Amino acid sequence: MSGYETLDMLIDGEWINERDSGEDVINPATGQALARLPHATTADLDRALAASARAFPGWAATSANDRAKILRAGVMLLRERQDSIARTLTLEQGKPLAESLGEVAYAIDCIEWYAEEGRRAYGRIVPSRNPGVRQFVTKEPVGPAIAFTPWNFPALTPARKIGGALAAGCTLVLKAAEETPGTAIAIARALVDAGVPPGVLNLVFGDPATVSAHLIASPLSRKLSFTGSTAVGRQLQHLALDHGMMRTTMELGGHGPVLVFDDVEVDATADLLAAAKFRNAGQVCISPTRFFVQQKAYDRFVERFVMRSKALVLGDGLDPATNMGPLANPRRIDAMERLVADAEARGGTVLTGGKRVGNQGWFYEPTVITGIGDDALVMTEEPFGPVVPIVPFTDFDEVITRANALPYGLAAYAFAQDRTTAAKLGSALAAGMVGVNTLAVSTPETPFGGVKESGHGSESGIEGLDAYLDTKFIAEG
């Protein structure tokens, strides 16, 4: 299709397209194939691992300043190609073009920030207790890394892993999502064109279980970074443990509570949260997904939220009138239908939505549900779609207990004008990222990660760079 990226794998500096096995990449707005994606053979995976290991000593020895120059050159090319990359993203993932442009811009900023921060991977001098002994701490790249990224943010999640690994001096074998490969390919192409040496960045595709098991089992792999579901994260963590003490970063699922206290400006808060919830059709790991609204504000909040939900225009992401695109695949349609059916069976009321739209592509109506308990599936399982449960609460202690009841702890949000209440919320909510009177919990310079079953470690910020660095203490007598 015109305007869609050519689908290749990148192994040891070579772009590879022709393979016997592969799969069609589908446009979720139309259900039509965009292009054929090649799958890596076992030999391809071994070659990528070997290339990454071979390139590592040279890339690690390259000064942080020179690595930054190459990454910044890549950033310049990515900015020149931003419009075409965003079009590819919308074609394969479905989100409105304006959202795709924003995501690509953020991804580019992320790589640029890592390029600069890589020059500040400082060590330190530690005063010695013994005369004549010099003590110092250094930071060194951990080694060849492997990474796996999902389909919901096909520019940002690869950029976080590529930027962190390469800025730290690591080499990388990346398996991006097979449903949205073109965006990652476009990013890798720009970095190769900017001068990233052969083997430093490799990009492969294939059956996820087969590829991940093979890459993790390799003794050449020293670091694993994964973004995806908690269930898959557990499996990969077990594989990593079975094959040694591999460093891991796990950015897993969430089910973000949002607490709305009755002293807020209700209409403005409902407008803000509706826009956030339906971004990318709700397919966002840090999306607000469990809505707890204090009793006095509850009816007005629900009324306003439903109004905003009904006003959304569903359609092809390339249509300028669209402000919510399709779900990424038919599995998400099935998941939404299951959540809504469970809510209705428990006596819940669907105030708007609750149905698939049309028979072309994978569109699902923005859906608002009330009248359910905290045991409904939509309140206990991450919906990852445009289904919104809104339930009332009475007081602070009650809602904190309910919000913290799940095993997830990625992002949480709260809105309250009372300063005493607002000050307590940040520490009371059990999540790796907490937004109080704001939804802005993700920037290139701040740590992104969860607690509990939402994973461990962080991407972005100095913590994201440190995830690819070993700490070494040296004493010289």
Protein backbone atom coordinates (compact mmCIF):
# COMPACT_ATOMS: atom_id res chain seq x y z
CA MET A 1 0.00 0.00 0.00
CA SER A 2 1.27 3.48 -0.89
CA GLY A 3 2.69 5.26 2.12
CA TYR A 4 3.36 2.10 4.13
CA GLU A 5 6.87 1.08 5.19
CA THR A 6 8.72 -1.71 3.37
CA LEU A 7 8.85 -4.64 5.78
CA ASP A 8 12.37 -5.94 6.36
CA MET A 9 14.35 -7.44 9.20
CA LEU A 10 17.69 -5.91 10.18
CA ILE A 11 20.49 -8.34 10.98
CA ASP A 12 24.16 -7.33 11.21
CA GLY A 13 23.55 -4.20 9.14
CA GLU A 14 21.71 -6.07 6.37
CA TRP A 15 18.04 -5.55 5.49
CA ILE A 16 16.37 -8.91 4.88
CA ASN A 17 12.96 -9.46 3.30
CA GLU A 18 12.76 -12.80 1.55
CA ARG A 19 11.84 -15.67 3.88
CA ASP A 20 9.62 -18.71 3.42
CA SER A 21 7.58 -18.02 6.56
CA GLY A 22 5.80 -14.83 7.47
CA GLU A 23 2.43 -13.21 8.07
CA ASP A 24 0.23 -10.46 6.69
CA VAL A 25 0.10 -7.15 8.52
CA ILE A 26 -3.54 -6.05 8.72
CA ASN A 27 -5.01 -2.55 8.75
CA PRO A 28 -7.39 -2.67 11.74
CA ALA A 29 -9.65 -0.03 10.22
CA THR A 30 -10.35 -2.09 7.10
CA GLY A 31 -9.35 -5.67 7.87
CA GLN A 32 -7.24 -5.62 4.68
CA ALA A 33 -3.62 -6.71 4.37
CA LEU A 34 -1.01 -3.95 4.18
CA ALA A 35 2.06 -6.06 3.39
CA ARG A 36 3.76 -9.38 4.12
CA LEU A 37 6.14 -9.52 7.11
CA PRO A 38 9.04 -11.99 6.99
CA HIS A 39 9.69 -14.24 9.99
CA ALA A 40 13.19 -14.98 11.22
CA THR A 41 14.56 -18.48 10.98
CA THR A 42 16.57 -20.00 13.80
CA ALA A 43 19.68 -19.23 11.77
CA ASP A 44 18.57 -15.60 11.50
CA LEU A 45 18.17 -15.35 15.27
CA ASP A 46 21.57 -16.91 15.86
CA ARG A 47 23.13 -14.53 13.36
CA ALA A 48 21.51 -11.53 15.06
CA LEU A 49 22.76 -12.68 18.47
CA ALA A 50 26.25 -13.29 17.15
CA ALA A 51 26.30 -9.90 15.42
CA SER A 52 25.19 -8.18 18.62
CA ALA A 53 27.90 -9.93 20.64
CA ARG A 54 30.57 -9.21 18.05
CA ALA A 55 29.65 -5.52 17.82
CA PHE A 56 29.43 -5.01 21.58
CA PRO A 57 33.12 -4.47 22.48
CA GLY A 58 33.55 -1.81 19.80
CA TRP A 59 30.30 0.01 20.60
CA ALA A 60 31.00 -0.11 24.35
CA ALA A 61 34.48 1.31 23.73
CA THR A 62 33.07 4.13 21.59
CA SER A 63 32.97 7.26 23.67
CA ALA A 64 29.60 8.32 25.03
CA ASN A 65 30.04 11.57 23.13
CA ASP A 66 30.50 9.77 19.81
CA ARG A 67 27.56 7.46 20.50
CA ALA A 68 25.48 10.55 21.21
CA LYS A 69 26.50 12.12 17.89
CA ILE A 70 25.22 9.08 15.98
CA LEU A 71 21.98 8.97 17.93
CA ARG A 72 21.42 12.70 17.41
CA ALA A 73 22.00 12.25 13.68
CA GLY A 74 19.33 9.57 13.80
CA VAL A 75 17.02 11.97 15.62
CA MET A 76 17.43 14.50 12.82
CA LEU A 77 16.49 11.92 10.20
CA LEU A 78 13.53 10.76 12.26
CA ARG A 79 12.22 14.32 12.49
CA GLU A 80 12.53 14.67 8.71
CA ARG A 81 10.56 11.43 8.29
CA GLN A 82 8.08 12.00 11.11
CA ASP A 83 5.02 12.43 8.90
CA SER A 84 5.59 9.24 6.92
CA ILE A 85 6.35 7.24 10.07
CA ALA A 86 3.14 8.49 11.69
CA ARG A 87 1.15 7.45 8.61
CA THR A 88 2.66 3.97 8.80
CA LEU A 89 1.78 3.83 12.50
CA THR A 90 -1.86 4.73 11.86
CA LEU A 91 -2.17 2.27 8.99
CA GLU A 92 -0.95 -0.68 11.04
CA GLN A 93 -2.18 0.24 14.52
CA GLY A 94 -5.33 2.27 13.87
CA LYS A 95 -5.00 5.29 16.18
CA PRO A 96 -5.92 8.72 14.75
CA LEU A 97 -3.15 10.38 12.79
CA ALA A 98 -2.89 13.23 15.29
CA GLU A 99 -2.17 10.69 18.06
CA SER A 100 0.38 8.93 15.84
CA LEU A 101 2.18 12.21 15.15
CA GLY A 102 2.29 12.88 18.88
CA GLU A 103 3.63 9.42 19.64
CA VAL A 104 6.36 9.63 17.00
CA ALA A 105 7.41 13.05 18.29
CA TYR A 106 7.60 11.65 21.83
CA ALA A 107 9.61 8.63 20.63
CA ILE A 108 12.10 10.93 18.91
CA ASP A 109 12.41 13.07 22.05
CA CYS A 110 13.06 9.90 24.03
CA ILE A 111 15.98 8.84 21.83
CA GLU A 112 17.37 12.38 21.90
CA TRP A 113 17.15 12.54 25.70
CA TYR A 114 18.97 9.21 26.06
CA ALA A 115 21.65 10.40 23.63
CA GLU A 116 22.35 13.35 25.90
CA GLU A 117 22.00 11.48 29.19
CA GLY A 118 24.37 8.75 28.01
CA ARG A 119 27.15 11.32 28.29
CA ARG A 120 26.33 11.68 31.99
CA ALA A 121 26.64 8.08 33.16
CA TYR A 122 28.88 9.29 35.94
CA GLY A 123 30.92 7.29 38.42
CA ARG A 124 32.32 8.68 41.65
CA ILE A 125 35.37 8.77 43.88
CA VAL A 126 34.91 7.24 47.35
CA PRO A 127 37.34 8.47 50.05
CA SER A 128 39.39 5.54 51.32
CA ARG A 129 39.90 4.51 54.93
CA ASN A 130 43.40 3.35 54.07
CA PRO A 131 46.20 5.72 53.02
CA GLY A 132 47.54 4.96 49.58
CA VAL A 133 44.35 3.27 48.36
CA ARG A 134 42.23 4.95 45.72
CA GLN A 135 38.57 3.91 45.49
CA PHE A 136 36.23 4.71 42.65
CA VAL A 137 32.93 3.55 41.12
CA THR A 138 32.32 3.27 37.39
CA LYS A 139 29.34 2.51 35.17
CA GLU A 140 29.83 0.02 32.35
CA PRO A 141 27.38 -1.30 29.73
CA VAL A 142 25.92 -4.61 30.84
CA GLY A 143 26.40 -6.31 27.47
CA PRO A 144 24.32 -7.42 24.49
CA ALA A 145 20.64 -6.84 25.24
CA ILE A 146 17.38 -8.28 23.92
CA ALA A 147 14.01 -6.54 23.99
CA PHE A 148 10.38 -7.24 23.15
CA THR A 149 7.79 -4.54 22.46
CA PRO A 150 3.97 -4.57 22.07
CA TRP A 151 1.61 -3.29 19.40
CA ASN A 152 -0.18 -0.47 21.25
CA PHE A 153 2.67 2.07 21.07
CA PRO A 154 4.81 0.85 18.16
CA ALA A 155 7.04 3.95 18.08
CA LEU A 156 7.46 4.82 21.75
CA THR A 157 8.18 1.42 23.26
CA PRO A 158 10.91 0.49 20.74
CA ALA A 159 12.39 4.00 21.09
CA ARG A 160 12.69 3.63 24.86
CA LYS A 161 14.58 0.37 24.53
CA ILE A 162 16.72 1.38 21.56
CA GLY A 163 17.61 4.74 23.11
CA GLY A 164 18.45 3.32 26.53
CA ALA A 165 20.51 0.40 25.25
CA LEU A 166 22.52 2.22 22.59
CA ALA A 167 23.18 5.32 24.70
CA ALA A 168 24.53 3.13 27.51
CA GLY A 169 26.89 1.33 25.13
CA CYS A 170 24.92 -1.90 24.81
CA THR A 171 24.03 -3.59 21.56
CA LEU A 172 20.47 -4.77 20.98
CA VAL A 173 18.37 -7.46 19.33
CA LEU A 174 14.81 -6.12 19.25
CA LYS A 175 11.72 -8.17 18.49
CA ALA A 176 8.99 -5.64 17.84
CA ALA A 177 5.31 -6.56 17.56
CA GLU A 178 4.39 -8.49 14.43
CA GLU A 179 1.05 -6.66 14.22
CA THR A 180 2.76 -3.26 13.98
CA PRO A 181 6.25 -3.83 12.52
CA GLY A 182 6.52 -0.95 10.08
CA THR A 183 6.99 1.76 12.69
CA ALA A 184 9.90 0.01 14.40
CA ILE A 185 11.46 -0.70 11.01
CA ALA A 186 11.26 2.98 10.09
CA ILE A 187 12.97 3.97 13.34
CA ALA A 188 15.72 1.39 12.85
CA ARG A 189 16.19 2.48 9.24
CA ALA A 190 16.79 6.08 10.27
CA LEU A 191 19.36 5.06 12.89
CA VAL A 192 21.23 2.83 10.44
CA ASP A 193 21.21 5.65 7.88
CA ALA A 194 22.64 7.91 10.59
CA GLY A 195 25.62 5.62 11.11
CA VAL A 196 24.76 3.04 13.77
CA PRO A 197 27.35 0.32 13.02
CA PRO A 198 26.37 -3.16 11.79
CA GLY A 199 25.34 -5.47 14.61
CA VAL A 200 24.71 -2.71 17.14
CA LEU A 201 20.97 -2.70 16.38
CA ASN A 202 19.19 -5.78 15.06
CA LEU A 203 15.44 -6.12 14.43
CA VAL A 204 13.67 -9.47 14.00
CA PHE A 205 10.14 -10.85 13.82
CA GLY A 206 8.50 -14.24 14.17
CA ASP A 207 6.36 -16.40 16.39
CA PRO A 208 6.63 -14.53 19.73
CA ALA A 209 6.98 -17.59 21.95
CA THR A 210 9.59 -19.20 19.71
CA VAL A 211 11.65 -16.05 19.20
CA SER A 212 11.61 -15.01 22.86
CA ALA A 213 12.57 -18.47 24.09
CA HIS A 214 15.47 -18.66 21.64
CA LEU A 215 16.85 -15.20 22.40
CA ILE A 216 16.54 -15.59 26.17
CA ALA A 217 18.20 -19.03 26.13
CA SER A 218 21.30 -17.69 24.39
CA PRO A 219 24.33 -17.25 26.66
CA LEU A 220 25.15 -14.16 24.59
CA SER A 221 22.13 -12.27 25.97
CA ARG A 222 22.95 -10.30 29.12
CA LYS A 223 19.94 -8.02 29.52
CA LEU A 224 16.20 -8.44 28.85
CA SER A 225 13.67 -5.62 28.57
CA PHE A 226 10.01 -6.46 28.04
CA THR A 227 6.84 -4.39 27.72
CA GLY A 228 3.58 -6.31 27.65
CA SER A 229 1.07 -8.24 29.69
CA THR A 230 1.72 -9.52 33.20
CA ALA A 231 1.04 -13.11 32.10
CA VAL A 232 3.66 -13.02 29.35
CA GLY A 233 6.07 -11.12 31.60
CA ARG A 234 5.92 -13.92 34.16
CA GLN A 235 6.74 -16.49 31.46
CA LEU A 236 9.71 -14.49 30.21
CA GLN A 237 10.98 -13.93 33.74
CA HIS A 238 10.91 -17.69 34.35
CA LEU A 239 12.81 -18.28 31.10
CA ALA A 240 15.40 -15.71 32.10
CA LEU A 241 15.87 -17.33 35.51
CA ASP A 242 16.21 -20.75 33.90
CA HIS A 243 19.16 -19.50 31.84
CA GLY A 244 21.17 -17.62 34.43
CA MET A 245 21.01 -14.31 36.28
CA MET A 246 20.04 -12.14 33.32
CA ARG A 247 19.27 -8.50 34.13
CA THR A 248 15.59 -7.77 33.47
CA THR A 249 13.27 -4.81 33.17
CA MET A 250 9.56 -5.73 33.15
CA GLU A 251 6.98 -3.09 32.24
CA LEU A 252 3.76 -5.08 32.60
CA GLY A 253 0.01 -4.61 32.76
CA GLY A 254 -1.92 -2.18 34.90
CA HIS A 255 -5.46 -1.33 35.89
CA GLY A 256 -5.15 2.32 36.81
CA PRO A 257 -7.56 3.65 39.40
CA VAL A 258 -8.65 7.28 39.14
CA LEU A 259 -10.13 8.89 42.25
CA VAL A 260 -12.36 11.93 41.76
CA PHE A 261 -13.21 13.79 44.98
CA ASP A 262 -16.33 15.90 45.18
CA ASP A 263 -14.54 19.25 45.55
CA VAL A 264 -13.20 19.25 41.96
CA GLU A 265 -14.64 21.15 39.02
CA VAL A 266 -16.67 18.16 37.84
CA ASP A 267 -17.27 18.98 34.18
CA ALA A 268 -13.65 19.90 33.48
CA THR A 269 -12.38 16.78 35.26
CA ALA A 270 -14.81 14.53 33.37
CA ASP A 271 -13.74 16.11 30.05
CA LEU A 272 -10.07 15.58 30.83
CA LEU A 273 -10.55 11.97 31.91
CA ALA A 274 -12.77 11.06 28.96
CA ALA A 275 -10.11 12.31 26.54
CA ALA A 276 -7.44 10.34 28.39
CA LYS A 277 -9.46 7.15 28.69
CA PHE A 278 -10.38 6.92 25.01
CA ARG A 279 -6.91 7.79 23.72
CA ASN A 280 -5.78 4.95 21.47
CA ALA A 281 -9.26 3.44 22.04
CA GLY A 282 -8.28 2.72 25.64
CA GLN A 283 -5.34 0.51 24.59
CA VAL A 284 -2.88 2.22 26.93
CA CYS A 285 -1.18 0.50 29.85
CA ILE A 286 -1.31 3.67 31.98
CA SER A 287 -4.86 4.55 30.98
CA PRO A 288 -7.27 5.47 33.81
CA THR A 289 -9.45 2.36 33.89
CA ARG A 290 -11.23 2.12 37.27
CA PHE A 291 -13.22 5.26 37.98
CA PHE A 292 -14.06 5.97 41.63
CA VAL A 293 -16.13 9.14 42.05
CA GLN A 294 -17.13 10.59 45.42
CA GLN A 295 -20.85 10.39 46.07
CA LYS A 296 -21.80 14.09 45.83
CA ALA A 297 -20.10 14.48 42.44
CA TYR A 298 -21.06 11.07 41.09
CA ASP A 299 -24.26 11.77 39.15
CA ARG A 300 -22.93 14.91 37.48
CA PHE A 301 -19.63 13.24 36.61
CA VAL A 302 -21.37 10.25 35.02
CA GLU A 303 -23.70 12.49 33.02
CA ARG A 304 -20.83 14.58 31.66
CA PHE A 305 -18.63 11.55 30.94
CA VAL A 306 -21.43 9.85 29.00
CA MET A 307 -22.00 13.02 26.99
CA ARG A 308 -18.31 13.16 26.06
CA SER A 309 -18.29 9.46 25.18
CA LYS A 310 -21.26 9.83 22.83
CA ALA A 311 -19.62 12.77 21.08
CA LEU A 312 -16.57 10.76 19.96
CA VAL A 313 -16.28 10.10 16.21
CA LEU A 314 -15.14 6.57 15.38
CA GLY A 315 -13.43 5.96 12.09
CA ASP A 316 -10.29 5.34 10.09
CA GLY A 317 -7.36 7.04 11.76
CA LEU A 318 -6.41 8.74 8.49
CA ASP A 319 -9.74 10.59 8.41
CA PRO A 320 -9.26 14.05 10.01
CA ALA A 321 -12.74 13.83 11.54
CA THR A 322 -11.85 10.71 13.53
CA ASN A 323 -11.00 11.06 17.20
CA MET A 324 -11.13 7.37 18.14
CA GLY A 325 -9.86 4.64 15.86
CA PRO A 326 -10.42 0.88 15.84
CA LEU A 327 -9.16 -1.68 18.28
CA ALA A 328 -5.93 -3.23 17.11
CA ASN A 329 -7.19 -6.76 16.48
CA PRO A 330 -10.30 -8.96 16.78
CA ARG A 331 -9.08 -10.35 20.11
CA ARG A 332 -9.82 -6.98 21.68
CA ILE A 333 -13.39 -7.06 20.36
CA ASP A 334 -13.88 -10.44 22.04
CA ALA A 335 -12.41 -9.08 25.28
CA MET A 336 -14.74 -6.06 25.32
CA GLU A 337 -17.80 -8.23 24.69
CA ARG A 338 -16.78 -10.52 27.55
CA LEU A 339 -16.36 -7.62 30.00
CA VAL A 340 -19.68 -6.03 29.06
CA ALA A 341 -21.58 -9.33 29.23
CA ASP A 342 -20.16 -10.00 32.70
CA ALA A 343 -21.14 -6.53 33.91
CA GLU A 344 -24.68 -6.92 32.63
CA ALA A 345 -24.98 -10.37 34.19
CA ARG A 346 -24.04 -8.79 37.54
CA GLY A 347 -26.79 -6.18 37.24
CA GLY A 348 -24.71 -3.42 35.72
CA THR A 349 -26.19 -0.76 33.44
CA VAL A 350 -24.61 0.14 30.09
CA LEU A 351 -25.30 3.86 29.77
CA THR A 352 -23.77 4.18 26.32
CA GLY A 353 -22.00 1.90 23.88
CA GLY A 354 -21.55 -1.79 24.54
CA LYS A 355 -21.50 -2.97 20.92
CA ARG A 356 -19.20 -3.55 18.00
CA VAL A 357 -19.58 -1.04 15.16
CA GLY A 358 -20.00 -2.36 11.61
CA ASN A 359 -18.41 -5.45 10.08
CA GLN A 360 -15.34 -3.86 8.49
CA GLY A 361 -12.38 -3.36 10.77
CA TRP A 362 -12.44 -3.72 14.54
CA PHE A 363 -14.43 -0.81 15.93
CA TYR A 364 -16.08 -0.86 19.34
CA GLU A 365 -18.26 1.85 20.81
CA PRO A 366 -17.04 3.97 23.75
CA THR A 367 -18.82 2.24 26.61
CA VAL A 368 -19.76 3.47 30.09
CA ILE A 369 -21.01 1.05 32.76
CA THR A 370 -22.44 1.80 36.19
CA GLY A 371 -24.17 -0.20 38.92
CA ILE A 372 -21.47 -2.83 39.40
CA GLY A 373 -19.39 -3.98 42.34
CA ASP A 374 -15.64 -4.10 42.64
CA ASP A 375 -15.74 -7.83 41.82
CA ALA A 376 -16.94 -7.34 38.23
CA LEU A 377 -14.41 -8.44 35.61
CA VAL A 378 -14.05 -4.92 34.25
CA MET A 379 -12.99 -3.83 37.75
CA THR A 380 -10.50 -6.66 38.28
CA GLU A 381 -9.03 -7.32 34.81
CA GLU A 382 -7.23 -4.72 32.71
CA PRO A 383 -9.76 -3.86 29.96
CA PHE A 384 -7.28 -2.47 27.41
CA GLY A 385 -10.13 -1.01 25.43
CA PRO A 386 -12.88 1.65 25.47
CA VAL A 387 -14.95 0.23 28.34
CA VAL A 388 -15.31 2.46 31.41
CA PRO A 389 -16.69 1.38 34.81
CA ILE A 390 -17.70 4.27 37.07
CA VAL A 391 -18.50 3.50 40.71
CA PRO A 392 -19.16 5.74 43.75
CA PHE A 393 -17.20 6.06 46.99
CA THR A 394 -17.78 7.80 50.31
CA ASP A 395 -14.48 8.70 52.04
CA PHE A 396 -10.71 8.77 51.67
CA ASP A 397 -9.77 5.62 53.59
CA GLU A 398 -12.44 3.54 51.85
CA VAL A 399 -11.43 4.52 48.33
CA ILE A 400 -7.70 4.07 48.98
CA THR A 401 -8.36 0.52 50.19
CA ARG A 402 -10.44 -0.23 47.09
CA ALA A 403 -7.98 1.40 44.70
CA ASN A 404 -5.03 -0.55 46.14
CA ALA A 405 -6.89 -3.87 46.31
CA LEU A 406 -5.66 -5.29 42.98
CA PRO A 407 -2.24 -6.85 42.43
CA TYR A 408 -1.44 -4.25 39.75
CA GLY A 409 0.52 -1.09 40.45
CA LEU A 410 1.54 0.70 37.26
CA ALA A 411 -0.23 4.08 37.24
CA ALA A 412 -2.84 5.70 39.49
CA TYR A 413 -4.53 9.09 39.40
CA ALA A 414 -6.49 11.30 41.77
CA PHE A 415 -8.22 14.65 41.54
CA ALA A 416 -8.90 16.73 44.65
CA GLN A 417 -8.76 20.46 45.36
CA ASP A 418 -8.31 20.17 49.12
CA ARG A 419 -4.57 20.51 49.70
CA THR A 420 -4.47 18.14 52.65
CA THR A 421 -6.21 15.43 50.66
CA ALA A 422 -4.03 16.00 47.61
CA ALA A 423 -0.86 15.83 49.70
CA LYS A 424 -1.81 12.43 51.12
CA LEU A 425 -2.72 10.83 47.80
CA GLY A 426 0.77 10.51 46.33
CA SER A 427 2.01 8.24 49.10
CA ALA A 428 -1.30 6.48 49.72
CA LEU A 429 -1.76 5.09 46.21
CA ALA A 430 0.29 1.93 45.54
CA ALA A 431 1.66 2.46 42.04
CA GLY A 432 4.95 3.16 40.33
CA MET A 433 3.55 6.38 38.85
CA VAL A 434 0.95 8.59 40.53
CA GLY A 435 -0.66 11.68 39.02
CA VAL A 436 -2.38 14.05 41.47
CA ASN A 437 -4.50 16.58 39.59
CA THR A 438 -2.64 15.67 36.42
CA LEU A 439 -2.39 12.80 33.95
CA ALA A 440 1.19 13.65 32.91
CA VAL A 441 3.11 10.72 34.37
CA SER A 442 5.19 9.83 31.30
CA THR A 443 8.03 11.96 29.90
CA PRO A 444 11.48 11.06 28.52
CA GLU A 445 13.22 12.42 31.61
CA THR A 446 11.09 10.71 34.28
CA PRO A 447 11.07 7.02 35.30
CA PHE A 448 8.34 4.85 33.77
CA GLY A 449 7.60 1.60 35.57
CA GLY A 450 5.36 -0.22 38.01
CA VAL A 451 5.30 -2.15 41.25
CA LYS A 452 3.65 -5.39 42.40
CA GLU A 453 2.40 -7.43 39.41
CA SER A 454 2.99 -4.48 37.09
CA GLY A 455 6.67 -5.31 36.91
CA HIS A 456 10.01 -4.03 38.11
CA GLY A 457 12.63 -1.59 36.92
CA SER A 458 12.05 1.60 34.98
CA GLU A 459 12.46 2.96 31.50
CA SER A 460 13.14 6.63 30.70
CA GLY A 461 14.84 8.97 33.12
CA ILE A 462 18.23 8.25 34.62
CA GLU A 463 16.73 5.01 35.92
CA GLY A 464 16.11 3.83 32.36
CA LEU A 465 19.72 4.42 31.40
CA ASP A 466 20.99 2.77 34.57
CA ALA A 467 19.03 -0.37 33.67
CA TYR A 468 21.61 -1.02 30.93
CA LEU A 469 24.65 -0.30 33.11
CA ASP A 470 26.61 -2.39 35.59
CA THR A 471 28.08 -0.71 38.64
CA LYS A 472 31.75 -1.57 39.22
CA PHE A 473 33.80 -0.70 42.30
CA ILE A 474 37.58 -0.47 41.84
CA ALA A 475 40.13 -0.17 44.65
CA GLU A 476 43.74 0.65 43.70
CA GLY A 477 46.52 0.23 46.25
